[in-house]
């Protein structure tokens, strides 16, 4: 009971910070645009849904390791991540290039 309550609260804080990034910051949605922004060195934080295919997930993590970019594994599916972004479609990977008013980059532990 306590563990599920804690994860739910963490999920809500991530979602609220993500909503603030969507309003005030800059981001790219999708696998291909995420890879492009990592290669260009523009990315600050990458968020990956938990049901992203393993090969894509490992490729994004590898690029992030080379570019020294933080990766956050979102605990929900790509449908949940899309809803958290305020979109009506699925989002497997999300790249934050400018957090805007949000403190999402400082609050996320780099894994």
N, C-alpha and C. Protein backbone atom coordinates (compact mmCIF):
# COMPACT_ATOMS: atom_id res chain seq x y z
N UNK A 1 0.83 -1.19 0.00
CA UNK A 1 0.00 0.00 0.00
C UNK A 1 0.87 1.25 0.00
N UNK A 2 1.87 1.28 0.86
CA UNK A 2 2.73 2.46 0.97
C UNK A 2 3.56 2.65 -0.30
N UNK A 3 4.09 1.56 -0.84
CA UNK A 3 4.91 1.65 -2.04
C UNK A 3 4.10 2.16 -3.22
N UNK A 4 2.87 1.67 -3.39
CA UNK A 4 2.04 2.12 -4.51
C UNK A 4 1.66 3.59 -4.36
N UNK A 5 1.44 4.02 -3.12
CA UNK A 5 1.11 5.43 -2.87
C UNK A 5 2.30 6.32 -3.22
N UNK A 6 3.49 5.85 -2.89
CA UNK A 6 4.71 6.61 -3.18
C UNK A 6 4.94 6.72 -4.69
N UNK A 7 4.76 5.61 -5.42
CA UNK A 7 4.96 5.65 -6.87
C UNK A 7 3.90 6.51 -7.54
N UNK A 8 2.68 6.49 -7.01
CA UNK A 8 1.62 7.32 -7.58
C UNK A 8 1.94 8.80 -7.40
N UNK A 9 2.48 9.16 -6.23
CA UNK A 9 2.84 10.55 -5.97
C UNK A 9 4.00 10.99 -6.86
N UNK A 10 4.99 10.09 -7.06
CA UNK A 10 6.11 10.40 -7.94
C UNK A 10 5.63 10.57 -9.38
N UNK A 11 4.68 9.72 -9.78
CA UNK A 11 4.12 9.79 -11.12
C UNK A 11 3.41 11.12 -11.34
N UNK A 12 2.66 11.56 -10.33
CA UNK A 12 1.95 12.83 -10.42
C UNK A 12 2.91 14.00 -10.53
N UNK A 13 4.03 13.95 -9.79
CA UNK A 13 5.00 15.04 -9.85
C UNK A 13 5.68 15.09 -11.21
N UNK A 14 5.96 13.91 -11.78
CA UNK A 14 6.55 13.87 -13.11
C UNK A 14 5.57 14.43 -14.13
N UNK A 15 4.31 14.03 -14.02
CA UNK A 15 3.29 14.49 -14.95
C UNK A 15 3.09 16.00 -14.87
N UNK A 16 3.10 16.55 -13.67
CA UNK A 16 2.91 18.00 -13.53
C UNK A 16 4.11 18.77 -14.07
N UNK A 17 5.31 18.23 -13.84
CA UNK A 17 6.51 18.88 -14.40
C UNK A 17 6.53 18.78 -15.92
N UNK A 18 6.08 17.64 -16.42
CA UNK A 18 6.03 17.43 -17.86
C UNK A 18 5.02 18.38 -18.51
N UNK A 19 3.89 18.61 -17.85
CA UNK A 19 2.89 19.54 -18.36
C UNK A 19 3.45 20.96 -18.42
N UNK A 20 4.27 21.32 -17.43
CA UNK A 20 4.88 22.65 -17.42
C UNK A 20 5.90 22.79 -18.55
N UNK A 21 6.64 21.72 -18.84
CA UNK A 21 7.58 21.74 -19.97
C UNK A 21 6.81 21.92 -21.27
N UNK A 22 5.67 21.24 -21.41
CA UNK A 22 4.87 21.34 -22.63
C UNK A 22 4.38 22.77 -22.85
N UNK A 23 4.08 23.48 -21.76
CA UNK A 23 3.59 24.85 -21.89
C UNK A 23 4.73 25.84 -22.14
N UNK A 24 5.82 25.72 -21.38
CA UNK A 24 6.81 26.79 -21.40
C UNK A 24 8.16 26.42 -22.01
N UNK A 25 8.39 25.15 -22.27
CA UNK A 25 9.71 24.73 -22.76
C UNK A 25 9.70 24.28 -24.20
N UNK A 26 10.83 23.70 -24.61
CA UNK A 26 10.96 23.16 -25.96
C UNK A 26 11.25 21.67 -25.87
N UNK A 27 10.64 20.91 -26.77
CA UNK A 27 10.76 19.46 -26.72
C UNK A 27 10.56 18.88 -28.10
N UNK A 28 10.97 17.64 -28.28
CA UNK A 28 10.66 16.90 -29.49
C UNK A 28 10.05 15.57 -29.08
N UNK A 29 9.08 15.14 -29.85
CA UNK A 29 8.38 13.90 -29.57
C UNK A 29 8.70 12.89 -30.66
N UNK A 30 9.00 11.67 -30.24
CA UNK A 30 9.23 10.60 -31.21
C UNK A 30 10.65 10.09 -31.19
N UNK A 31 10.79 8.88 -31.67
CA UNK A 31 12.08 8.19 -31.66
C UNK A 31 13.10 8.86 -32.58
N UNK A 32 12.71 9.12 -33.82
CA UNK A 32 13.65 9.66 -34.80
C UNK A 32 14.11 11.07 -34.44
N UNK A 33 13.18 11.93 -34.03
CA UNK A 33 13.56 13.29 -33.68
C UNK A 33 14.37 13.33 -32.38
N UNK A 34 14.11 12.37 -31.49
CA UNK A 34 14.91 12.26 -30.25
C UNK A 34 16.35 11.91 -30.59
N UNK A 35 16.54 10.92 -31.46
CA UNK A 35 17.89 10.52 -31.88
C UNK A 35 18.60 11.69 -32.56
N UNK A 36 17.89 12.42 -33.41
CA UNK A 36 18.49 13.57 -34.11
C UNK A 36 18.96 14.65 -33.14
N UNK A 37 18.12 14.96 -32.15
CA UNK A 37 18.50 16.01 -31.20
C UNK A 37 19.63 15.58 -30.28
N UNK A 38 19.72 14.28 -29.96
CA UNK A 38 20.86 13.78 -29.17
C UNK A 38 22.14 13.93 -29.98
N UNK A 39 22.08 13.55 -31.25
CA UNK A 39 23.26 13.66 -32.12
C UNK A 39 23.73 15.10 -32.26
N UNK A 40 22.77 16.03 -32.33
CA UNK A 40 23.12 17.44 -32.48
C UNK A 40 23.59 18.08 -31.18
N UNK A 41 23.39 17.37 -30.07
CA UNK A 41 23.83 17.89 -28.77
C UNK A 41 22.88 18.88 -28.15
N UNK A 42 21.63 18.90 -28.58
CA UNK A 42 20.67 19.87 -28.06
C UNK A 42 19.90 19.37 -26.85
N UNK A 43 19.89 18.06 -26.61
CA UNK A 43 19.01 17.49 -25.60
C UNK A 43 19.56 17.63 -24.19
N UNK A 44 18.64 17.80 -23.24
CA UNK A 44 18.98 17.90 -21.83
C UNK A 44 18.50 16.67 -21.05
N UNK A 45 17.33 16.14 -21.41
CA UNK A 45 16.76 14.98 -20.73
C UNK A 45 15.92 14.18 -21.72
N UNK A 46 16.02 12.86 -21.64
CA UNK A 46 15.24 11.96 -22.49
C UNK A 46 14.30 11.17 -21.60
N UNK A 47 13.04 11.07 -22.00
CA UNK A 47 12.07 10.27 -21.27
C UNK A 47 11.59 9.17 -22.21
N UNK A 48 11.68 7.92 -21.73
CA UNK A 48 11.31 6.76 -22.53
C UNK A 48 10.16 6.03 -21.84
N UNK A 49 9.13 5.65 -22.60
CA UNK A 49 8.01 4.89 -22.04
C UNK A 49 8.47 3.47 -21.72
N UNK A 50 7.74 2.80 -20.80
CA UNK A 50 8.20 1.48 -20.37
C UNK A 50 7.92 0.38 -21.38
N UNK A 51 7.03 0.61 -22.36
CA UNK A 51 6.78 -0.42 -23.36
C UNK A 51 7.44 -0.12 -24.70
N UNK A 52 8.45 0.75 -24.68
CA UNK A 52 9.25 0.96 -25.89
C UNK A 52 10.04 -0.31 -26.18
N UNK A 53 10.15 -0.72 -27.45
CA UNK A 53 10.90 -1.95 -27.76
C UNK A 53 12.33 -1.90 -27.22
N UNK A 54 12.83 -3.05 -26.82
CA UNK A 54 14.13 -3.13 -26.14
C UNK A 54 15.27 -2.60 -27.00
N UNK A 55 15.24 -2.87 -28.29
CA UNK A 55 16.31 -2.42 -29.17
C UNK A 55 16.34 -0.90 -29.27
N UNK A 56 15.17 -0.29 -29.41
CA UNK A 56 15.09 1.18 -29.46
C UNK A 56 15.54 1.79 -28.14
N UNK A 57 15.09 1.19 -27.05
CA UNK A 57 15.44 1.69 -25.72
C UNK A 57 16.95 1.65 -25.51
N UNK A 58 17.57 0.54 -25.86
CA UNK A 58 19.02 0.41 -25.67
C UNK A 58 19.78 1.35 -26.60
N UNK A 59 19.26 1.57 -27.82
CA UNK A 59 19.92 2.49 -28.74
C UNK A 59 19.87 3.92 -28.22
N UNK A 60 18.72 4.34 -27.70
CA UNK A 60 18.59 5.69 -27.12
C UNK A 60 19.51 5.83 -25.91
N UNK A 61 19.55 4.80 -25.05
CA UNK A 61 20.41 4.84 -23.87
C UNK A 61 21.88 4.93 -24.27
N UNK A 62 22.26 4.24 -25.33
CA UNK A 62 23.65 4.27 -25.80
C UNK A 62 24.02 5.66 -26.29
N UNK A 63 23.16 6.27 -27.10
CA UNK A 63 23.40 7.63 -27.58
C UNK A 63 23.47 8.61 -26.41
N UNK A 64 22.61 8.42 -25.42
CA UNK A 64 22.61 9.31 -24.26
C UNK A 64 23.88 9.17 -23.44
N UNK A 65 24.39 7.93 -23.35
CA UNK A 65 25.64 7.71 -22.63
C UNK A 65 26.79 8.43 -23.33
N UNK A 66 26.81 8.37 -24.65
CA UNK A 66 27.87 9.04 -25.40
C UNK A 66 27.77 10.56 -25.28
N UNK A 67 26.55 11.08 -25.29
CA UNK A 67 26.34 12.52 -25.24
C UNK A 67 26.23 13.06 -23.82
N UNK A 68 26.31 12.16 -22.81
CA UNK A 68 26.19 12.54 -21.40
C UNK A 68 24.87 13.27 -21.13
N UNK A 69 23.77 12.63 -21.57
CA UNK A 69 22.43 13.17 -21.38
C UNK A 69 21.68 12.24 -20.42
N UNK A 70 20.88 12.81 -19.54
CA UNK A 70 20.12 12.01 -18.59
C UNK A 70 18.96 11.28 -19.25
N UNK A 71 18.69 10.07 -18.79
CA UNK A 71 17.58 9.25 -19.29
C UNK A 71 16.64 8.95 -18.14
N UNK A 72 15.35 9.15 -18.36
CA UNK A 72 14.36 8.78 -17.35
C UNK A 72 13.43 7.76 -17.97
N UNK A 73 13.25 6.62 -17.27
CA UNK A 73 12.34 5.59 -17.74
C UNK A 73 10.97 5.86 -17.12
N UNK A 74 10.05 6.31 -17.95
CA UNK A 74 8.70 6.63 -17.50
C UNK A 74 8.00 5.34 -17.10
N UNK A 75 7.32 5.36 -15.96
CA UNK A 75 6.75 4.13 -15.43
C UNK A 75 5.46 3.71 -16.13
N UNK A 76 4.87 4.59 -16.93
CA UNK A 76 3.65 4.24 -17.65
C UNK A 76 3.96 3.83 -19.09
N UNK A 77 2.92 3.40 -19.80
CA UNK A 77 3.08 2.99 -21.19
C UNK A 77 3.18 4.21 -22.10
N UNK A 78 3.33 3.97 -23.40
CA UNK A 78 3.43 5.08 -24.34
C UNK A 78 2.10 5.84 -24.45
N UNK A 79 1.00 5.18 -24.16
CA UNK A 79 -0.30 5.86 -24.14
C UNK A 79 -0.35 6.83 -22.96
N UNK A 80 0.14 6.38 -21.79
CA UNK A 80 0.17 7.24 -20.60
C UNK A 80 1.11 8.43 -20.79
N UNK A 81 2.25 8.19 -21.44
CA UNK A 81 3.21 9.27 -21.69
C UNK A 81 2.62 10.30 -22.64
N UNK A 82 1.90 9.84 -23.65
CA UNK A 82 1.24 10.77 -24.57
C UNK A 82 0.18 11.60 -23.86
N UNK A 83 -0.57 10.98 -22.97
CA UNK A 83 -1.58 11.70 -22.20
C UNK A 83 -0.93 12.71 -21.26
N UNK A 84 0.19 12.33 -20.65
CA UNK A 84 0.90 13.25 -19.75
C UNK A 84 1.44 14.46 -20.51
N UNK A 85 1.77 14.25 -21.79
CA UNK A 85 2.25 15.36 -22.62
C UNK A 85 1.10 16.24 -23.12
N UNK A 86 -0.14 15.79 -22.91
CA UNK A 86 -1.28 16.54 -23.38
C UNK A 86 -1.59 16.27 -24.84
N UNK A 87 -1.11 15.16 -25.36
CA UNK A 87 -1.34 14.81 -26.76
C UNK A 87 -2.38 13.69 -26.83
N UNK A 88 -3.00 13.55 -27.99
CA UNK A 88 -4.01 12.52 -28.19
C UNK A 88 -3.45 11.32 -28.94
N UNK A 89 -2.14 11.17 -28.91
CA UNK A 89 -1.50 10.03 -29.57
C UNK A 89 -0.44 9.45 -28.65
N UNK A 90 0.09 8.29 -29.03
CA UNK A 90 1.08 7.60 -28.20
C UNK A 90 2.46 8.25 -28.38
N UNK A 91 3.22 8.29 -27.30
CA UNK A 91 4.57 8.86 -27.33
C UNK A 91 5.53 7.84 -26.71
N UNK A 92 6.43 7.29 -27.52
CA UNK A 92 7.39 6.30 -27.02
C UNK A 92 8.63 6.93 -26.44
N UNK A 93 9.09 8.03 -27.07
CA UNK A 93 10.29 8.72 -26.62
C UNK A 93 10.07 10.22 -26.69
N UNK A 94 10.62 10.93 -25.72
CA UNK A 94 10.44 12.37 -25.62
C UNK A 94 11.77 12.99 -25.25
N UNK A 95 12.15 14.03 -25.97
CA UNK A 95 13.42 14.72 -25.71
C UNK A 95 13.11 16.15 -25.27
N UNK A 96 13.64 16.53 -24.12
CA UNK A 96 13.47 17.91 -23.64
C UNK A 96 14.73 18.68 -23.98
N UNK A 97 14.59 19.71 -24.82
CA UNK A 97 15.74 20.53 -25.20
C UNK A 97 15.84 21.79 -24.35
N UNK A 98 14.70 22.32 -23.91
CA UNK A 98 14.68 23.49 -23.04
C UNK A 98 13.55 23.30 -22.03
N UNK A 99 13.87 23.19 -20.73
CA UNK A 99 12.82 22.90 -19.75
C UNK A 99 11.87 24.06 -19.48
N UNK A 100 12.21 25.26 -19.87
CA UNK A 100 11.34 26.41 -19.62
C UNK A 100 11.29 26.73 -18.13
N UNK A 101 10.09 26.86 -17.58
CA UNK A 101 9.92 27.20 -16.17
C UNK A 101 10.00 25.98 -15.25
N UNK A 102 10.03 24.77 -15.84
CA UNK A 102 10.00 23.55 -15.04
C UNK A 102 11.38 23.21 -14.47
N UNK A 103 11.37 22.50 -13.32
CA UNK A 103 12.62 22.04 -12.72
C UNK A 103 12.81 20.54 -12.96
N UNK A 104 12.32 20.05 -14.08
CA UNK A 104 12.31 18.61 -14.35
C UNK A 104 13.71 18.03 -14.48
N UNK A 105 14.67 18.79 -14.99
CA UNK A 105 16.03 18.26 -15.19
C UNK A 105 16.75 18.12 -13.86
N UNK A 106 16.56 19.08 -12.96
CA UNK A 106 17.20 18.98 -11.64
C UNK A 106 16.55 17.90 -10.79
N UNK A 107 15.24 17.71 -10.94
CA UNK A 107 14.53 16.77 -10.07
C UNK A 107 14.70 15.31 -10.50
N UNK A 108 14.95 15.07 -11.79
CA UNK A 108 15.09 13.68 -12.27
C UNK A 108 16.48 13.16 -11.93
N UNK A 109 16.56 12.01 -11.31
CA UNK A 109 17.89 11.42 -11.06
C UNK A 109 18.44 10.85 -12.36
N UNK A 110 19.68 11.19 -12.68
CA UNK A 110 20.29 10.67 -13.90
C UNK A 110 20.67 9.22 -13.67
N UNK A 111 20.18 8.35 -14.54
CA UNK A 111 20.40 6.90 -14.36
C UNK A 111 21.53 6.44 -15.24
